[in-house]
Each structure stands twice: as structure tokens, then as C-alpha cells.
Amino acid sequence: MASDAPPPHHSPLEDVQGVLTGCLFMALAILMFRESRLLLGGTAGLAFLLHYLAGWRLGPVLFLINLPFYVFAYRALGRAFTVKTFCAVAVLAVYTEMLPGLIAFERIDPLFAAVMAGLLAGIGILILIRHGASLGGLGVLAIYLQKVKGWRAGTVQMLGDCVVLAIGLLAVSPGQVALSVLAAAALNLVIAINHRPDRYFGA
């Protein structure tokens, strides 16, 4: 007989390991993106553009560029989500600076990098979602605008990603932008298939 009781929430220790693990997957994806000069959407994509065009260090830029979006995160999704997201972005920034000293790619095929990095990023983001966190940026702004203005969050996110990838033509080739779109498709496929509240449980 199935129980009607709600599933238990994750403990603080489980949330910590979720953030550490999800960000590690994401950091490995970012390293593969950087090695192939590919882009992500959202604020991560903007950080990549600043890294490619101005030579700024990617980790600090990832952290700083997300700071204004915590206001929207707090208003749209509450204090707990905002604190976890802040911690996740900070951890990701540290990982992004550390990982190149721990692993290096002698050769990586750009097509493989696009697909594999997209899948890794999707898994990382999925883990963070399961633990009530995100990597901030345009996603929380989109949710805020949906809540306040009634705009569809998915449409806002997609438009923001398209703008970032279009600007990306200033830093990378059209072929690399096309591979970045493929990576985004792989990322979103992982989340679309596996982030199903009606099928998977846990909070």
C-alpha cells in the first residue's frame, strides 16, 4: 500500500554533497567548453565571452557576473534557494580555477566536447535542482519575470541564450557557435527527461 506522506527533505549534509557534486560535474563541463572554445547560454555564456575577448579569469567572472541576479532569486524563489544558489556559484567559481591544475586534455574533439560537456552540465544542474539550488543568472531572472510580469520563463531564457550565442560570434567561429547550440540541446535534453516531479521524488 502506497503511503500518502510527502517524501522526506534532504538533510543539510545531503545538500552540501549535492552542491559539491553538482558543481564538480559542471566545472568539468566548463573545462571541456573552454578547451574547445565553445559557449554556454545565460550568464555563464557572458562569462565565457569576457574570458575569450578580454582574457579575464573565468572563475571570478562567473562569480561576479551572477551577483545582481540574487535579488531576483530572493524575490522569486525565497531565502533558502538564494543562499544555496550563492554557495553553488561560489563553489563552481573555485572549481573552475582549480580543475585546470588537476586535469588537462591533450586532444579533445569539438563535436564530442559539445555533446559530452552538455550532458555533464545537464547532470550537474539536475543535481543542484534536486537540492533546491541553481547556478543563478538568467534562469532566476526568467522565473522572476514570469512571477511578476506573467512572461513565460522558458521563452525569456531561450531569448537570453540566443542573444548570448549571437554575441558569441565576436569571439568564436560560426562552427563553434553551432556546436554550442548542440551542447545546449544536450544539456536541456538531460533536464527535460530527468526533471519530472510527477515521476521522480525527493526534496
Protein backbone atom coordinates (compact mmCIF):
# COMPACT_ATOMS: atom_id res chain seq x y z
CA MET A 1 0.00 0.00 0.00
CA ALA A 2 1.48 3.34 -1.06
CA SER A 3 1.96 5.99 1.58
CA ASP A 4 0.42 9.44 1.13
CA ALA A 5 3.11 11.01 3.29
CA PRO A 6 5.31 13.58 1.50
CA PRO A 7 8.86 12.48 0.73
CA PRO A 8 11.43 13.50 3.36
CA HIS A 9 13.53 16.59 2.70
CA HIS A 10 17.25 16.35 2.15
CA SER A 11 19.35 16.90 5.24
CA PRO A 12 21.85 19.79 5.34
CA LEU A 13 24.70 17.29 4.85
CA GLU A 14 22.96 15.82 1.79
CA ASP A 15 22.50 19.33 0.38
CA VAL A 16 26.21 20.06 0.87
CA GLN A 17 27.25 16.92 -1.00
CA GLY A 18 24.68 17.71 -3.69
CA VAL A 19 26.13 21.18 -4.25
CA LEU A 20 29.72 19.92 -4.20
CA THR A 21 28.95 17.07 -6.61
CA GLY A 22 26.71 19.03 -8.99
CA CYS A 23 29.24 21.85 -9.25
CA LEU A 24 32.05 19.37 -9.94
CA PHE A 25 30.15 17.95 -12.92
CA MET A 26 29.52 21.50 -14.12
CA ALA A 27 33.14 22.54 -13.66
CA LEU A 28 34.34 19.59 -15.74
CA ALA A 29 31.86 20.59 -18.44
CA ILE A 30 33.16 24.18 -18.33
CA LEU A 31 36.73 22.92 -18.72
CA MET A 32 35.71 20.96 -21.83
CA PHE A 33 33.89 24.01 -23.20
CA ARG A 34 36.93 26.21 -22.64
CA GLU A 35 39.34 23.72 -24.23
CA SER A 36 37.16 23.69 -27.37
CA ARG A 37 36.30 27.43 -27.27
CA LEU A 38 32.60 26.72 -27.03
CA LEU A 39 29.94 28.77 -25.25
CA LEU A 40 27.16 28.25 -22.76
CA GLY A 41 23.98 30.24 -22.59
CA GLY A 42 23.00 32.68 -19.86
CA THR A 43 25.43 34.37 -17.51
CA ALA A 44 27.91 31.51 -17.92
CA GLY A 45 28.00 32.37 -21.62
CA LEU A 46 28.62 36.02 -20.80
CA ALA A 47 31.46 34.97 -18.52
CA PHE A 48 32.95 32.91 -21.35
CA LEU A 49 32.72 35.91 -23.70
CA LEU A 50 34.59 38.12 -21.24
CA HIS A 51 37.14 35.36 -20.78
CA TYR A 52 37.65 34.91 -24.53
CA LEU A 53 37.59 38.59 -25.51
CA ALA A 54 39.29 40.25 -22.54
CA GLY A 55 41.33 37.38 -21.12
CA TRP A 56 39.73 37.72 -17.67
CA ARG A 57 39.88 34.69 -15.36
CA LEU A 58 36.77 32.62 -15.77
CA GLY A 59 36.13 31.66 -12.14
CA PRO A 60 35.99 35.19 -10.68
CA VAL A 61 33.95 36.43 -13.64
CA LEU A 62 31.43 33.61 -13.16
CA PHE A 63 31.05 34.62 -9.53
CA LEU A 64 30.85 38.39 -10.03
CA ILE A 65 28.52 38.38 -13.02
CA ASN A 66 25.88 36.50 -11.01
CA LEU A 67 25.78 38.93 -8.07
CA PRO A 68 22.95 41.17 -9.39
CA PHE A 69 20.70 38.17 -10.02
CA TYR A 70 20.46 37.12 -6.36
CA VAL A 71 17.94 39.92 -5.85
CA PHE A 72 15.62 38.24 -8.36
CA ALA A 73 16.32 34.82 -6.86
CA TYR A 74 15.33 36.04 -3.39
CA ARG A 75 12.14 37.71 -4.58
CA ALA A 76 11.03 34.86 -6.83
CA LEU A 77 12.21 31.74 -5.01
CA GLY A 78 12.95 32.66 -1.41
CA ARG A 79 15.85 32.84 1.01
CA ALA A 80 16.82 29.14 1.16
CA PHE A 81 17.07 28.83 -2.62
CA THR A 82 19.08 32.07 -2.86
CA VAL A 83 21.58 31.03 -0.18
CA LYS A 84 22.09 27.61 -1.77
CA THR A 85 22.48 29.19 -5.20
CA PHE A 86 25.03 31.69 -3.90
CA CYS A 87 27.02 28.82 -2.36
CA ALA A 88 26.77 26.78 -5.58
CA VAL A 89 28.07 29.63 -7.74
CA ALA A 90 30.91 30.28 -5.30
CA VAL A 91 31.88 26.59 -5.29
CA LEU A 92 31.71 26.48 -9.09
CA ALA A 93 33.99 29.53 -9.34
CA VAL A 94 36.56 27.83 -7.11
CA TYR A 95 36.32 24.54 -9.01
CA THR A 96 36.71 26.37 -12.32
CA GLU A 97 40.02 27.81 -11.17
CA MET A 98 41.25 24.55 -9.59
CA LEU A 99 40.37 21.98 -12.24
CA PRO A 100 42.88 23.03 -14.94
CA GLY A 101 45.62 22.19 -12.43
CA LEU A 102 44.18 18.70 -11.89
CA ILE A 103 43.29 17.61 -15.42
CA ALA A 104 44.41 18.52 -18.93
CA PHE A 105 43.27 17.40 -22.38
CA GLU A 106 45.98 16.64 -24.92
CA ARG A 107 43.30 16.44 -27.60
CA ILE A 108 39.52 16.73 -27.49
CA ASP A 109 37.24 16.52 -30.50
CA PRO A 110 34.97 19.62 -30.56
CA LEU A 111 31.86 17.61 -31.51
CA PHE A 112 32.44 15.14 -28.69
CA ALA A 113 33.19 18.01 -26.31
CA ALA A 114 29.93 19.73 -27.22
CA VAL A 115 27.81 16.63 -26.57
CA MET A 116 29.70 15.32 -23.54
CA ALA A 117 30.05 18.72 -21.87
CA GLY A 118 26.36 19.41 -22.49
CA LEU A 119 25.41 16.11 -20.86
CA LEU A 120 27.74 16.72 -17.91
CA ALA A 121 26.37 20.23 -17.42
CA GLY A 122 22.82 18.88 -17.55
CA ILE A 123 23.61 16.27 -14.89
CA GLY A 124 25.27 18.88 -12.69
CA ILE A 125 22.34 21.29 -12.96
CA LEU A 126 19.89 18.44 -12.34
CA ILE A 127 21.68 17.52 -9.11
CA LEU A 128 21.55 21.15 -7.98
CA ILE A 129 17.83 21.40 -8.82
CA ARG A 130 17.14 18.29 -6.73
CA HIS A 131 18.81 20.03 -3.79
CA GLY A 132 16.97 23.33 -4.17
CA ALA A 133 19.77 25.30 -5.82
CA SER A 134 20.80 26.57 -9.22
CA LEU A 135 23.68 28.42 -10.87
CA GLY A 136 21.76 31.69 -10.85
CA GLY A 137 21.81 34.04 -13.79
CA LEU A 138 19.18 34.42 -16.46
CA GLY A 139 17.22 31.42 -15.20
CA VAL A 140 16.21 33.13 -11.95
CA LEU A 141 15.55 36.39 -13.79
CA ALA A 142 13.23 34.48 -16.13
CA ILE A 143 11.37 32.94 -13.19
CA TYR A 144 11.08 36.36 -11.54
CA LEU A 145 9.66 37.93 -14.73
CA GLN A 146 7.19 35.08 -15.06
CA LYS A 147 6.04 35.64 -11.49
CA VAL A 148 5.83 39.44 -11.72
CA LYS A 149 5.03 40.13 -15.39
CA GLY A 150 3.48 36.85 -16.49
CA TRP A 151 6.15 36.30 -19.15
CA ARG A 152 6.91 32.66 -19.88
CA ALA A 153 10.17 31.76 -18.16
CA GLY A 154 11.20 29.31 -20.87
CA THR A 155 10.77 31.94 -23.58
CA VAL A 156 12.76 34.56 -21.64
CA GLN A 157 15.55 32.06 -21.01
CA MET A 158 15.65 31.00 -24.66
CA LEU A 159 15.79 34.59 -25.90
CA GLY A 160 18.58 35.42 -23.46
CA ASP A 161 20.57 32.38 -24.59
CA CYS A 162 20.08 33.32 -28.25
CA VAL A 163 21.41 36.83 -27.59
CA VAL A 164 24.48 35.45 -25.80
CA LEU A 165 25.21 32.99 -28.61
CA ALA A 166 24.73 35.69 -31.24
CA ILE A 167 27.22 37.95 -29.45
CA GLY A 168 29.48 34.91 -29.29
CA LEU A 169 30.21 35.36 -32.99
CA LEU A 170 32.52 38.19 -31.91
CA ALA A 171 34.71 35.69 -30.05
CA VAL A 172 34.36 32.31 -31.76
CA SER A 173 33.65 30.94 -35.21
CA PRO A 174 30.14 30.18 -36.55
CA GLY A 175 31.02 26.48 -36.36
CA GLN A 176 31.82 26.81 -32.65
CA VAL A 177 28.54 28.65 -32.09
CA ALA A 178 26.72 25.81 -33.88
CA LEU A 179 28.44 23.27 -31.63
CA SER A 180 27.48 25.41 -28.62
CA VAL A 181 23.83 25.15 -29.71
CA LEU A 182 24.26 21.36 -29.87
CA ALA A 183 25.71 21.40 -26.36
CA ALA A 184 22.73 23.43 -25.12
CA ALA A 185 20.39 20.87 -26.69
CA ALA A 186 22.20 18.03 -24.90
CA LEU A 187 22.04 19.93 -21.59
CA ASN A 188 18.33 20.63 -21.90
CA LEU A 189 17.60 17.05 -23.00
CA VAL A 190 19.04 15.71 -19.74
CA ILE A 191 16.95 18.11 -17.67
CA ALA A 192 13.74 17.64 -19.70
CA ILE A 193 13.86 13.84 -19.43
CA ASN A 194 15.02 13.55 -15.83
CA HIS A 195 13.46 16.57 -14.08
CA ARG A 196 9.96 15.13 -13.78
CA PRO A 197 8.29 15.94 -10.42
CA ASP A 198 5.41 13.60 -11.38
CA ARG A 199 7.85 10.72 -11.79
CA TYR A 200 10.83 11.37 -9.53
CA PHE A 201 10.56 12.33 -5.88
CA GLY A 202 12.83 13.88 -3.27
CA ALA A 203 13.17 17.38 -1.87
